[in-house]
C-alpha atoms as a PDB file:
ATOM      1  CA  MET A   1     -51.640  25.261 -34.373  1.00  0.00           C
ATOM      2  CA  THR A   2     -50.504  26.358 -37.871  1.00  0.00           C
ATOM      3  CA  ASN A   3     -46.927  25.883 -38.853  1.00  0.00           C
ATOM      4  CA  SER A   4     -45.102  28.464 -40.594  1.00  0.00           C
ATOM      5  CA  PRO A   5     -43.443  28.082 -43.905  1.00  0.00           C
ATOM      6  CA  ARG A   6     -39.831  26.883 -43.841  1.00  0.00           C
ATOM      7  CA  ILE A   7     -38.935  29.180 -47.092  1.00  0.00           C
ATOM      8  CA  THR A   8     -40.166  32.666 -47.830  1.00  0.00           C
ATOM      9  CA  VAL A   9     -41.329  33.701 -51.303  1.00  0.00           C
ATOM     10  CA  ALA A  10     -38.224  36.106 -51.580  1.00  0.00           C
ATOM     11  CA  GLU A  11     -35.981  33.125 -50.616  1.00  0.00           C
ATOM     12  CA  PHE A  12     -37.673  30.781 -53.157  1.00  0.00           C
ATOM     13  CA  GLU A  13     -37.317  33.595 -55.894  1.00  0.00           C
ATOM     14  CA  ASP A  14     -33.641  33.914 -55.100  1.00  0.00           C
ATOM     15  CA  LEU A  15     -33.147  30.152 -55.451  1.00  0.00           C
ATOM     16  CA  CYS A  16     -35.021  30.062 -58.743  1.00  0.00           C
ATOM     17  CA  ALA A  17     -32.895  32.935 -60.046  1.00  0.00           C
ATOM     18  CA  GLU A  18     -29.822  30.935 -58.970  1.00  0.00           C
ATOM     19  CA  GLN A  19     -30.594  27.540 -60.072  1.00  0.00           C
ATOM     20  CA  LEU A  20     -33.949  27.383 -62.051  1.00  0.00           C
ATOM     21  CA  PRO A  21     -33.814  29.622 -64.956  1.00  0.00           C
ATOM     22  CA  PHE A  22     -37.040  28.311 -66.492  1.00  0.00           C
ATOM     23  CA  VAL A  23     -39.053  29.996 -63.718  1.00  0.00           C
ATOM     24  CA  ALA A  24     -37.815  33.424 -65.039  1.00  0.00           C
ATOM     25  CA  MET A  25     -38.207  32.511 -68.762  1.00  0.00           C
ATOM     26  CA  MET A  26     -41.764  31.423 -68.201  1.00  0.00           C
ATOM     27  CA  GLY A  27     -42.505  34.594 -66.241  1.00  0.00           C
ATOM     28  CA  LEU A  28     -43.677  32.546 -63.195  1.00  0.00           C
ATOM     29  CA  GLN A  29     -44.884  34.743 -60.348  1.00  0.00           C
ATOM     30  CA  VAL A  30     -44.779  33.286 -56.866  1.00  0.00           C
ATOM     31  CA  GLN A  31     -47.957  34.567 -55.102  1.00  0.00           C
ATOM     32  CA  ASP A  32     -47.768  32.516 -51.843  1.00  0.00           C
ATOM     33  CA  ILE A  33     -45.763  29.895 -50.087  1.00  0.00           C
ATOM     34  CA  GLY A  34     -47.200  28.275 -46.913  1.00  0.00           C
ATOM     35  CA  TYR A  35     -46.309  25.122 -44.891  1.00  0.00           C
ATOM     36  CA  GLY A  36     -46.970  22.476 -47.490  1.00  0.00           C
ATOM     37  CA  ASN A  37     -48.685  24.785 -50.008  1.00  0.00           C
ATOM     38  CA  ALA A  38     -48.054  27.229 -52.724  1.00  0.00           C
ATOM     39  CA  ARG A  39     -49.797  29.478 -55.350  1.00  0.00           C
ATOM     40  CA  ILE A  40     -47.953  30.538 -58.581  1.00  0.00           C
ATOM     41  CA  LEU A  41     -49.231  32.545 -61.481  1.00  0.00           C
ATOM     42  CA  LEU A  42     -48.319  31.585 -65.211  1.00  0.00           C
ATOM     43  CA  PRO A  43     -48.773  34.939 -67.081  1.00  0.00           C
ATOM     44  CA  THR A  44     -50.124  34.566 -70.642  1.00  0.00           C
ATOM     45  CA  SER A  45     -47.602  35.329 -73.389  1.00  0.00           C
ATOM     46  CA  GLU A  46     -46.994  34.529 -77.041  1.00  0.00           C
ATOM     47  CA  ASN A  47     -44.287  32.165 -75.849  1.00  0.00           C
ATOM     48  CA  ILE A  48     -46.639  29.717 -74.092  1.00  0.00           C
ATOM     49  CA  LEU A  49     -49.651  29.733 -76.586  1.00  0.00           C
ATOM     50  CA  ARG A  50     -50.323  27.133 -79.053  1.00  0.00           C
ATOM     51  CA  PRO A  51     -51.714  27.618 -82.440  1.00  0.00           C
ATOM     52  CA  GLY A  52     -55.632  28.090 -81.930  1.00  0.00           C
ATOM     53  CA  GLY A  53     -55.210  30.287 -78.971  1.00  0.00           C
ATOM     54  CA  THR A  54     -54.733  28.069 -75.997  1.00  0.00           C
ATOM     55  CA  VAL A  55     -51.910  27.658 -73.278  1.00  0.00           C
ATOM     56  CA  SER A  56     -49.679  24.856 -74.135  1.00  0.00           C
ATOM     57  CA  GLY A  57     -49.655  21.674 -72.105  1.00  0.00           C
ATOM     58  CA  PRO A  58     -45.640  21.737 -71.316  1.00  0.00           C
ATOM     59  CA  ALA A  59     -46.174  25.269 -69.860  1.00  0.00           C
ATOM     60  CA  MET A  60     -48.916  24.115 -67.546  1.00  0.00           C
ATOM     61  CA  MET A  61     -46.734  21.183 -66.623  1.00  0.00           C
ATOM     62  CA  GLY A  62     -43.861  23.405 -65.776  1.00  0.00           C
ATOM     63  CA  LEU A  63     -46.112  25.483 -63.742  1.00  0.00           C
ATOM     64  CA  ALA A  64     -47.247  22.679 -61.705  1.00  0.00           C
ATOM     65  CA  ASP A  65     -43.833  21.335 -61.263  1.00  0.00           C
ATOM     66  CA  ALA A  66     -42.662  24.816 -59.927  1.00  0.00           C
ATOM     67  CA  VAL A  67     -45.687  24.907 -57.453  1.00  0.00           C
ATOM     68  CA  MET A  68     -44.852  21.380 -56.160  1.00  0.00           C
ATOM     69  CA  TYR A  69     -41.313  22.547 -55.482  1.00  0.00           C
ATOM     70  CA  ALA A  70     -42.424  25.552 -53.793  1.00  0.00           C
ATOM     71  CA  ALA A  71     -44.871  23.583 -51.484  1.00  0.00           C
ATOM     72  CA  ILE A  72     -42.187  21.127 -50.623  1.00  0.00           C
ATOM     73  CA  LEU A  73     -39.737  23.627 -49.606  1.00  0.00           C
ATOM     74  CA  GLY A  74     -42.468  25.382 -47.736  1.00  0.00           C
ATOM     75  CA  GLN A  75     -42.685  22.319 -45.627  1.00  0.00           C
ATOM     76  CA  ILE A  76     -39.087  21.013 -45.350  1.00  0.00           C
ATOM     77  CA  GLY A  77     -36.960  24.135 -46.064  1.00  0.00           C
ATOM     78  CA  ARG A  78     -34.366  24.790 -48.728  1.00  0.00           C
ATOM     79  CA  VAL A  79     -33.380  21.435 -50.091  1.00  0.00           C
ATOM     80  CA  GLU A  80     -32.036  22.094 -53.518  1.00  0.00           C
ATOM     81  CA  GLN A  81     -31.587  18.310 -54.442  1.00  0.00           C
ATOM     82  CA  ALA A  82     -35.469  17.580 -54.014  1.00  0.00           C
ATOM     83  CA  VAL A  83     -36.356  16.494 -57.460  1.00  0.00           C
ATOM     84  CA  THR A  84     -39.398  15.339 -59.375  1.00  0.00           C
ATOM     85  CA  THR A  85     -39.731  11.568 -59.700  1.00  0.00           C
ATOM     86  CA  ASN A  86     -43.166  11.448 -61.275  1.00  0.00           C
ATOM     87  CA  LEU A  87     -45.652  14.114 -62.699  1.00  0.00           C
ATOM     88  CA  ASN A  88     -48.988  12.941 -64.092  1.00  0.00           C
ATOM     89  CA  CYS A  89     -51.113  15.656 -65.657  1.00  0.00           C
ATOM     90  CA  ASN A  90     -54.999  15.448 -66.437  1.00  0.00           C
ATOM     91  CA  PHE A  91     -55.984  18.229 -68.853  1.00  0.00           C
ATOM     92  CA  LEU A  92     -59.557  18.704 -67.884  1.00  0.00           C
ATOM     93  CA  ARG A  93     -60.674  21.394 -70.428  1.00  0.00           C
ATOM     94  CA  ARG A  94     -59.227  23.690 -72.887  1.00  0.00           C
ATOM     95  CA  PRO A  95     -57.699  26.854 -71.133  1.00  0.00           C
ATOM     96  CA  LYS A  96     -58.458  30.212 -72.482  1.00  0.00           C
ATOM     97  CA  PRO A  97     -55.432  32.241 -73.560  1.00  0.00           C
ATOM     98  CA  THR A  98     -55.037  34.087 -70.291  1.00  0.00           C
ATOM     99  CA  ASP A  99     -53.188  33.829 -67.020  1.00  0.00           C
ATOM    100  CA  ILE A 100     -53.047  30.519 -65.134  1.00  0.00           C
ATOM    101  CA  MET A 101     -52.913  30.037 -61.585  1.00  0.00           C
ATOM    102  CA  GLY A 102     -51.410  26.924 -59.896  1.00  0.00           C
ATOM    103  CA  VAL A 103     -52.634  26.064 -56.503  1.00  0.00           C
ATOM    104  CA  GLY A 104     -50.840  22.995 -54.942  1.00  0.00           C
ATOM    105  CA  LYS A 105     -50.658  21.085 -51.543  1.00  0.00           C
ATOM    106  CA  LEU A 106     -48.818  18.343 -50.290  1.00  0.00           C
ATOM    107  CA  LEU A 107     -50.664  15.170 -49.524  1.00  0.00           C
ATOM    108  CA  LYS A 108     -47.904  13.274 -47.657  1.00  0.00           C
ATOM    109  CA  VAL A 109     -44.359  13.975 -46.795  1.00  0.00           C
ATOM    110  CA  GLY A 110     -42.098  11.132 -45.607  1.00  0.00           C
ATOM    111  CA  ARG A 111     -38.305  10.664 -45.023  1.00  0.00           C
ATOM    112  CA  ARG A 112     -37.604  10.279 -48.702  1.00  0.00           C
ATOM    113  CA  LEU A 113     -40.687  11.120 -50.833  1.00  0.00           C
ATOM    114  CA  ALA A 114     -43.308  13.851 -51.053  1.00  0.00           C
ATOM    115  CA  VAL A 115     -46.538  13.535 -52.835  1.00  0.00           C
ATOM    116  CA  GLY A 116     -48.881  16.324 -53.769  1.00  0.00           C
ATOM    117  CA  GLU A 117     -51.327  17.680 -55.961  1.00  0.00           C
ATOM    118  CA  VAL A 118     -51.717  20.992 -58.137  1.00  0.00           C
ATOM    119  CA  SER A 119     -55.070  22.382 -59.440  1.00  0.00           C
ATOM    120  CA  MET A 120     -54.837  24.735 -62.159  1.00  0.00           C
ATOM    121  CA  PHE A 121     -57.497  27.305 -63.534  1.00  0.00           C
ATOM    122  CA  THR A 122     -57.734  30.301 -65.600  1.00  0.00           C
ATOM    123  CA  MET A 123     -58.158  33.621 -63.617  1.00  0.00           C
ATOM    124  CA  GLY A 124     -61.577  34.407 -62.822  1.00  0.00           C
ATOM    125  CA  GLU A 125     -62.799  30.681 -63.135  1.00  0.00           C
ATOM    126  CA  GLU A 126     -61.526  29.171 -59.924  1.00  0.00           C
ATOM    127  CA  ASP A 127     -64.220  26.733 -59.808  1.00  0.00           C
ATOM    128  CA  ALA A 128     -63.524  25.118 -63.129  1.00  0.00           C
ATOM    129  CA  PRO A 129     -59.926  23.683 -63.267  1.00  0.00           C
ATOM    130  CA  VAL A 130     -58.378  23.349 -66.611  1.00  0.00           C
ATOM    131  CA  ALA A 131     -55.897  20.697 -65.292  1.00  0.00           C
ATOM    132  CA  HIS A 132     -55.068  18.539 -62.198  1.00  0.00           C
ATOM    133  CA  VAL A 133     -51.585  17.228 -61.492  1.00  0.00           C
ATOM    134  CA  THR A 134     -50.376  14.657 -59.008  1.00  0.00           C
ATOM    135  CA  ALA A 135     -46.731  14.674 -58.567  1.00  0.00           C
ATOM    136  CA  THR A 136     -44.024  12.745 -56.483  1.00  0.00           C
ATOM    137  CA  TYR A 137     -40.621  14.282 -55.393  1.00  0.00           C
ATOM    138  CA  ALA A 138     -37.549  12.425 -54.071  1.00  0.00           C
ATOM    139  CA  ILE A 139     -36.124  14.196 -50.970  1.00  0.00           C
ATOM    140  CA  PRO A 140     -32.279  13.307 -50.387  1.00  0.00           C
ATOM    141  CA  PRO A 141     -31.691  11.409 -47.172  1.00  0.00           C
ATOM    142  CA  ASP A 142     -29.446  14.135 -45.734  1.00  0.00           C
ATOM    143  CA  HIS A 143     -31.805  16.985 -45.934  1.00  0.00           C
ATOM    144  CA  GLN A 144     -32.361  17.181 -42.076  1.00  0.00           C
END
């Protein structure tokens, strides 16, 4: 049996517009939110490129954080006070200056913590990730 997501893409986008302006500033495009998983696209732009024509690390970490938040809300519903407590990013290879997809899934969701991972790849190269993130979120005790 498959669980349905507890938040829709439209509801997540509304939440981001209200409370997470960096999502709009980065131009993040939510592709899909499932129960404990999410896919978000980071479109390339001059604002996120480093000298030498590569996507900046902070932009990719912002993408990963947004993917994790979407995956968590996909499983537990709209819990605005769920916050990042740890984010570890391993940059695996230099990304081309093109759109980057972040694909995340939750590994464990407890009463107070959620742990997940996000793989990022340039479009068209899904088998060659450019970065891998593991992250932990704190979930407020009164979220039920």
